C-alpha atoms as a PDB file:
ATOM      1  CA  MET A   1       0.000   0.000   0.000  1.00  0.00           C
ATOM      2  CA  ILE A   2       2.712   2.504   1.005  1.00  0.00           C
ATOM      3  CA  GLU A   3       4.818   1.417  -1.981  1.00  0.00           C
ATOM      4  CA  ASP A   4       1.891   2.149  -4.316  1.00  0.00           C
ATOM      5  CA  ILE A   5       1.399   5.598  -2.796  1.00  0.00           C
ATOM      6  CA  LEU A   6       5.115   6.376  -3.120  1.00  0.00           C
ATOM      7  CA  TYR A   7       5.066   5.156  -6.717  1.00  0.00           C
ATOM      8  CA  TYR A   8       2.205   7.506  -7.612  1.00  0.00           C
ATOM      9  CA  ILE A   9       3.851  10.394  -5.756  1.00  0.00           C
ATOM     10  CA  GLY A  10       6.964   9.608  -7.794  1.00  0.00           C
ATOM     11  CA  GLN A  11       5.012   9.711 -11.059  1.00  0.00           C
ATOM     12  CA  PHE A  12       3.476  13.039 -10.011  1.00  0.00           C
ATOM     13  CA  LEU A  13       6.968  14.399  -9.292  1.00  0.00           C
ATOM     14  CA  GLY A  14       8.015  13.237 -12.775  1.00  0.00           C
ATOM     15  CA  ILE A  15       5.268  15.368 -14.299  1.00  0.00           C
ATOM     16  CA  ALA A  16       6.299  18.290 -12.065  1.00  0.00           C
ATOM     17  CA  ALA A  17       9.880  17.872 -13.317  1.00  0.00           C
ATOM     18  CA  VAL A  18       8.615  18.002 -16.903  1.00  0.00           C
ATOM     19  CA  VAL A  19       6.895  21.315 -16.164  1.00  0.00           C
ATOM     20  CA  LEU A  20      10.133  22.653 -14.644  1.00  0.00           C
ATOM     21  CA  GLY A  21      11.982  21.459 -17.733  1.00  0.00           C
ATOM     22  CA  PHE A  22       9.593  23.361 -19.994  1.00  0.00           C
ATOM     23  CA  VAL A  23       9.901  26.480 -17.830  1.00  0.00           C
ATOM     24  CA  THR A  24      13.700  26.243 -18.133  1.00  0.00           C
ATOM     25  CA  PHE A  25      13.484  26.780 -21.897  1.00  0.00           C
ATOM     26  CA  GLN A  26      11.517  30.005 -21.366  1.00  0.00           C
ATOM     27  CA  LEU A  27      14.008  31.683 -19.029  1.00  0.00           C
ATOM     28  CA  LYS A  28      16.440  34.286 -20.290  1.00  0.00           C
ATOM     29  CA  THR A  29      19.293  34.617 -17.806  1.00  0.00           C
ATOM     30  CA  PRO A  30      21.923  31.899 -17.354  1.00  0.00           C
ATOM     31  CA  LYS A  31      21.507  32.100 -13.567  1.00  0.00           C
ATOM     32  CA  ARG A  32      17.772  31.396 -13.741  1.00  0.00           C
ATOM     33  CA  ILE A  33      18.226  28.686 -16.359  1.00  0.00           C
ATOM     34  CA  LEU A  34      20.816  27.024 -14.133  1.00  0.00           C
ATOM     35  CA  ALA A  35      18.617  27.230 -11.064  1.00  0.00           C
ATOM     36  CA  CYS A  36      15.563  25.835 -12.857  1.00  0.00           C
ATOM     37  CA  GLN A  37      17.487  23.121 -14.702  1.00  0.00           C
ATOM     38  CA  SER A  38      19.222  22.011 -11.510  1.00  0.00           C
ATOM     39  CA  THR A  39      15.895  21.967  -9.675  1.00  0.00           C
ATOM     40  CA  CYS A  40      14.402  19.947 -12.529  1.00  0.00           C
ATOM     41  CA  ALA A  41      17.216  17.373 -12.224  1.00  0.00           C
ATOM     42  CA  LEU A  42      16.740  17.171  -8.445  1.00  0.00           C
ATOM     43  CA  VAL A  43      12.973  16.638  -8.789  1.00  0.00           C
ATOM     44  CA  PHE A  44      13.609  13.985 -11.442  1.00  0.00           C
ATOM     45  CA  ALA A  45      16.091  12.334  -9.048  1.00  0.00           C
ATOM     46  CA  LEU A  46      13.403  12.049  -6.371  1.00  0.00           C
ATOM     47  CA  HIS A  47      10.923  10.858  -9.013  1.00  0.00           C
ATOM     48  CA  TYR A  48      13.222   8.032 -10.120  1.00  0.00           C
ATOM     49  CA  LEU A  49      13.985   7.044  -6.551  1.00  0.00           C
ATOM     50  CA  LEU A  50      10.271   6.731  -5.746  1.00  0.00           C
ATOM     51  CA  ILE A  51       9.437   4.698  -8.866  1.00  0.00           C
ATOM     52  CA  GLY A  52      12.279   2.263  -8.215  1.00  0.00           C
ATOM     53  CA  ALA A  53      14.972   3.457 -10.638  1.00  0.00           C
ATOM     54  CA  PRO A  54      17.878   4.293  -8.290  1.00  0.00           C
ATOM     55  CA  GLY A  55      20.430   4.471 -11.107  1.00  0.00           C
ATOM     56  CA  ALA A  56      18.510   7.221 -12.861  1.00  0.00           C
ATOM     57  CA  ALA A  57      18.038   8.966  -9.497  1.00  0.00           C
ATOM     58  CA  ALA A  58      21.806   9.019  -8.921  1.00  0.00           C
ATOM     59  CA  LEU A  59      22.473  10.139 -12.489  1.00  0.00           C
ATOM     60  CA  ASN A  60      20.029  13.036 -12.098  1.00  0.00           C
ATOM     61  CA  LEU A  61      21.856  14.139  -8.954  1.00  0.00           C
ATOM     62  CA  LEU A  62      24.993  14.033 -11.070  1.00  0.00           C
ATOM     63  CA  ALA A  63      23.180  16.039 -13.781  1.00  0.00           C
ATOM     64  CA  ALA A  64      22.372  18.786 -11.270  1.00  0.00           C
ATOM     65  CA  PHE A  65      26.079  18.956 -10.427  1.00  0.00           C
ATOM     66  CA  ASN A  66      26.933  18.964 -14.132  1.00  0.00           C
ATOM     67  CA  ASP A  67      24.577  21.898 -14.779  1.00  0.00           C
ATOM     68  CA  ILE A  68      26.516  23.927 -12.235  1.00  0.00           C
ATOM     69  CA  LEU A  69      29.825  22.802 -13.760  1.00  0.00           C
ATOM     70  CA  TYR A  70      28.753  23.905 -17.259  1.00  0.00           C
ATOM     71  CA  PHE A  71      27.425  27.195 -15.920  1.00  0.00           C
ATOM     72  CA  PHE A  72      30.862  28.082 -14.560  1.00  0.00           C
ATOM     73  CA  ARG A  73      32.495  26.735 -17.692  1.00  0.00           C
ATOM     74  CA  ALA A  74      30.410  29.079 -19.856  1.00  0.00           C
ATOM     75  CA  LYS A  75      30.914  31.967 -17.443  1.00  0.00           C
ATOM     76  CA  ARG A  76      34.680  31.775 -17.760  1.00  0.00           C
ATOM     77  CA  GLY A  77      34.509  31.072 -21.508  1.00  0.00           C
ATOM     78  CA  SER A  78      36.251  27.720 -21.208  1.00  0.00           C
ATOM     79  CA  HIS A  79      36.119  25.102 -23.928  1.00  0.00           C
ATOM     80  CA  SER A  80      38.302  22.590 -22.126  1.00  0.00           C
ATOM     81  CA  LEU A  81      37.865  18.877 -22.689  1.00  0.00           C
ATOM     82  CA  PHE A  82      38.226  18.304 -18.950  1.00  0.00           C
ATOM     83  CA  GLU A  83      34.559  18.897 -18.088  1.00  0.00           C
ATOM     84  CA  PRO A  84      32.980  16.508 -20.623  1.00  0.00           C
ATOM     85  CA  ILE A  85      35.608  13.830 -19.951  1.00  0.00           C
ATOM     86  CA  PHE A  86      35.095  14.217 -16.196  1.00  0.00           C
ATOM     87  CA  TYR A  87      31.304  14.050 -16.587  1.00  0.00           C
ATOM     88  CA  ILE A  88      31.455  10.969 -18.840  1.00  0.00           C
ATOM     89  CA  THR A  89      33.732   9.296 -16.297  1.00  0.00           C
ATOM     90  CA  MET A  90      31.282  10.142 -13.508  1.00  0.00           C
ATOM     91  CA  ILE A  91      28.365   8.781 -15.587  1.00  0.00           C
ATOM     92  CA  THR A  92      30.274   5.519 -15.992  1.00  0.00           C
ATOM     93  CA  VAL A  93      31.213   5.211 -12.313  1.00  0.00           C
ATOM     94  CA  THR A  94      27.715   6.151 -11.117  1.00  0.00           C
ATOM     95  CA  SER A  95      26.080   3.737 -13.556  1.00  0.00           C
ATOM     96  CA  ILE A  96      28.301   0.872 -12.428  1.00  0.00           C
ATOM     97  CA  LEU A  97      27.687   1.619  -8.749  1.00  0.00           C
ATOM     98  CA  THR A  98      23.902   1.831  -9.211  1.00  0.00           C
ATOM     99  CA  TRP A  99      23.544  -0.852 -11.905  1.00  0.00           C
ATOM    100  CA  GLU A 100      19.905  -1.880 -12.383  1.00  0.00           C
ATOM    101  CA  ALA A 101      19.834  -4.140 -15.438  1.00  0.00           C
ATOM    102  CA  TRP A 102      20.921  -4.332 -19.079  1.00  0.00           C
ATOM    103  CA  TYR A 103      18.926  -1.200 -19.889  1.00  0.00           C
ATOM    104  CA  THR A 104      21.301   0.870 -17.744  1.00  0.00           C
ATOM    105  CA  VAL A 105      23.593   0.776 -20.792  1.00  0.00           C
ATOM    106  CA  ILE A 106      20.896   2.529 -22.849  1.00  0.00           C
ATOM    107  CA  LEU A 107      20.745   5.368 -20.332  1.00  0.00           C
ATOM    108  CA  MET A 108      24.546   5.561 -20.134  1.00  0.00           C
ATOM    109  CA  CYS A 109      24.857   5.902 -23.911  1.00  0.00           C
ATOM    110  CA  GLY A 110      22.180   8.598 -23.985  1.00  0.00           C
ATOM    111  CA  LEU A 111      23.949  10.529 -21.265  1.00  0.00           C
ATOM    112  CA  TYR A 112      27.312  10.151 -23.004  1.00  0.00           C
ATOM    113  CA  ALA A 113      25.733  11.723 -26.099  1.00  0.00           C
ATOM    114  CA  ALA A 114      24.273  14.533 -23.984  1.00  0.00           C
ATOM    115  CA  ALA A 115      27.653  15.205 -22.366  1.00  0.00           C
ATOM    116  CA  ILE A 116      29.292  15.444 -25.773  1.00  0.00           C
ATOM    117  CA  GLY A 117      26.475  17.573 -27.179  1.00  0.00           C
ATOM    118  CA  LEU A 118      26.582  20.037 -24.292  1.00  0.00           C
ATOM    119  CA  SER A 119      30.337  20.441 -24.657  1.00  0.00           C
ATOM    120  CA  LEU A 120      30.007  21.592 -28.260  1.00  0.00           C
ATOM    121  CA  SER A 121      29.581  25.262 -28.962  1.00  0.00           C
ATOM    122  CA  ASN A 122      27.545  24.871 -32.163  1.00  0.00           C
ATOM    123  CA  PRO A 123      23.797  24.784 -31.373  1.00  0.00           C
ATOM    124  CA  GLN A 124      22.926  22.870 -34.571  1.00  0.00           C
ATOM    125  CA  THR A 125      25.491  20.175 -33.755  1.00  0.00           C
ATOM    126  CA  THR A 126      24.131  19.984 -30.208  1.00  0.00           C
ATOM    127  CA  ARG A 127      20.614  19.514 -31.628  1.00  0.00           C
ATOM    128  CA  LYS A 128      21.895  16.688 -33.856  1.00  0.00           C
ATOM    129  CA  VAL A 129      23.450  14.977 -30.854  1.00  0.00           C
ATOM    130  CA  MET A 130      20.095  15.265 -29.051  1.00  0.00           C
ATOM    131  CA  LEU A 131      18.679  13.091 -31.865  1.00  0.00           C
ATOM    132  CA  ILE A 132      20.845  10.315 -30.404  1.00  0.00           C
ATOM    133  CA  LYS A 133      20.384  11.161 -26.713  1.00  0.00           C
ATOM    134  CA  ALA A 134      16.620  11.625 -26.580  1.00  0.00           C
ATOM    135  CA  PRO A 135      15.559   8.277 -28.140  1.00  0.00           C
ATOM    136  CA  LEU A 136      17.987   6.376 -25.911  1.00  0.00           C
ATOM    137  CA  CYS A 137      16.770   8.097 -22.753  1.00  0.00           C
ATOM    138  CA  LEU A 138      13.172   7.779 -23.945  1.00  0.00           C
ATOM    139  CA  ALA A 139      13.641   4.007 -24.320  1.00  0.00           C
ATOM    140  CA  TYR A 140      15.133   3.788 -20.815  1.00  0.00           C
ATOM    141  CA  ASN A 141      12.222   5.788 -19.390  1.00  0.00           C
ATOM    142  CA  ALA A 142       9.707   3.534 -21.125  1.00  0.00           C
ATOM    143  CA  LEU A 143      11.426   0.465 -19.665  1.00  0.00           C
ATOM    144  CA  VAL A 144      11.349   1.821 -16.094  1.00  0.00           C
ATOM    145  CA  LEU A 145       7.792   3.128 -16.608  1.00  0.00           C
ATOM    146  CA  SER A 146       8.650   6.781 -16.009  1.00  0.00           C
ATOM    147  CA  VAL A 147       5.735   8.756 -17.419  1.00  0.00           C
ATOM    148  CA  GLY A 148       7.466  12.090 -16.817  1.00  0.00           C
ATOM    149  CA  GLY A 149      10.715  10.826 -18.317  1.00  0.00           C
ATOM    150  CA  VAL A 150       8.970   9.643 -21.488  1.00  0.00           C
ATOM    151  CA  ILE A 151       7.141  12.953 -21.893  1.00  0.00           C
ATOM    152  CA  TYR A 152      10.305  14.947 -21.242  1.00  0.00           C
ATOM    153  CA  GLU A 153      12.482  13.009 -23.694  1.00  0.00           C
ATOM    154  CA  ALA A 154       9.747  13.092 -26.357  1.00  0.00           C
ATOM    155  CA  ALA A 155       9.649  16.871 -25.948  1.00  0.00           C
ATOM    156  CA  VAL A 156      13.463  17.094 -26.172  1.00  0.00           C
ATOM    157  CA  LEU A 157      13.385  15.010 -29.362  1.00  0.00           C
ATOM    158  CA  ALA A 158      10.594  17.097 -30.902  1.00  0.00           C
ATOM    159  CA  SER A 159      12.354  20.313 -29.904  1.00  0.00           C
ATOM    160  CA  ALA A 160      15.651  19.168 -31.443  1.00  0.00           C
ATOM    161  CA  ILE A 161      13.929  18.233 -34.701  1.00  0.00           C
ATOM    162  CA  ILE A 162      12.011  21.511 -34.850  1.00  0.00           C
ATOM    163  CA  GLY A 163      15.178  23.470 -34.056  1.00  0.00           C
ATOM    164  CA  LEU A 164      17.133  21.671 -36.762  1.00  0.00           C
ATOM    165  CA  ILE A 165      14.433  22.284 -39.366  1.00  0.00           C
ATOM    166  CA  ARG A 166      13.793  25.892 -38.339  1.00  0.00           C
ATOM    167  CA  ASN A 167      17.457  26.843 -38.237  1.00  0.00           C
ATOM    168  CA  ARG A 168      18.237  24.952 -41.442  1.00  0.00           C
ATOM    169  CA  GLN A 169      15.428  26.851 -43.135  1.00  0.00           C
ATOM    170  CA  LYS A 170      16.800  30.165 -41.844  1.00  0.00           C
ATOM    171  CA  SER A 171      20.240  29.371 -43.232  1.00  0.00           C
ATOM    172  CA  LEU A 172      18.685  28.480 -46.607  1.00  0.00           C
ATOM    173  CA  ASP A 173      16.681  31.728 -46.646  1.00  0.00           C
ATOM    174  CA  THR A 174      19.690  33.896 -45.784  1.00  0.00           C
ATOM    175  CA  PRO A 175      21.525  35.032 -48.912  1.00  0.00           C
ATOM    176  CA  LYS A 176      25.191  34.111 -48.906  1.00  0.00           C
ATOM    177  CA  GLU A 177      27.797  36.648 -49.819  1.00  0.00           C
ATOM    178  CA  LEU A 178      29.985  35.862 -52.791  1.00  0.00           C
END
C-alpha cells in the first residue's frame, strides 16, 4: 500500500519535473536557467527514486552537479575537454555503482551523447546529438515506466527536430555573400 502511494507520488513528481523542464526553456538569464534546470534534475532524481529506478536517481543528482559545472564553464569562456571527460567518467562510475539491469547501458549511452552535445559550442550540432540522446533516454524511461521521463524526452526530441528544421530553413533563406 505505502509502496503504491510512493510510486504515484513519484510519477506526479516526474510530471512536475517536466513542467520545470519546460519552464527552463523560457528563461532568459543563465543564472535562472541554471537554477531551474538544476531543480528539474533534483525533482527527477526524487521521481526516479520513488518509482524504483535508483540508477537514474543518482544520475540526475549528477546532472544537477553537471549543470553547475557547465554554468561556470560558460561563465569563464572555457572550452576545455576536462569537463565533458570528467562528466562521462562520472556517468560511468555512477552507472556501475547503481547498476539496475541491461537497460542501464541505454541510459549511459544517452547521457554520453548529452555530455558530448553540451560540450560543443555549435547549437545545430548539439541539436543533432540530441537526436541520439533523446531516443535512448526515452527508451530507458519507457522500460522503467517513467511517465514524466517519457514525456520529457519526447519533448526534447521534438524540440531538437524543430530546431534543426527551423534553423536549417533560416540558413537556406539567408543570402550568402559571394
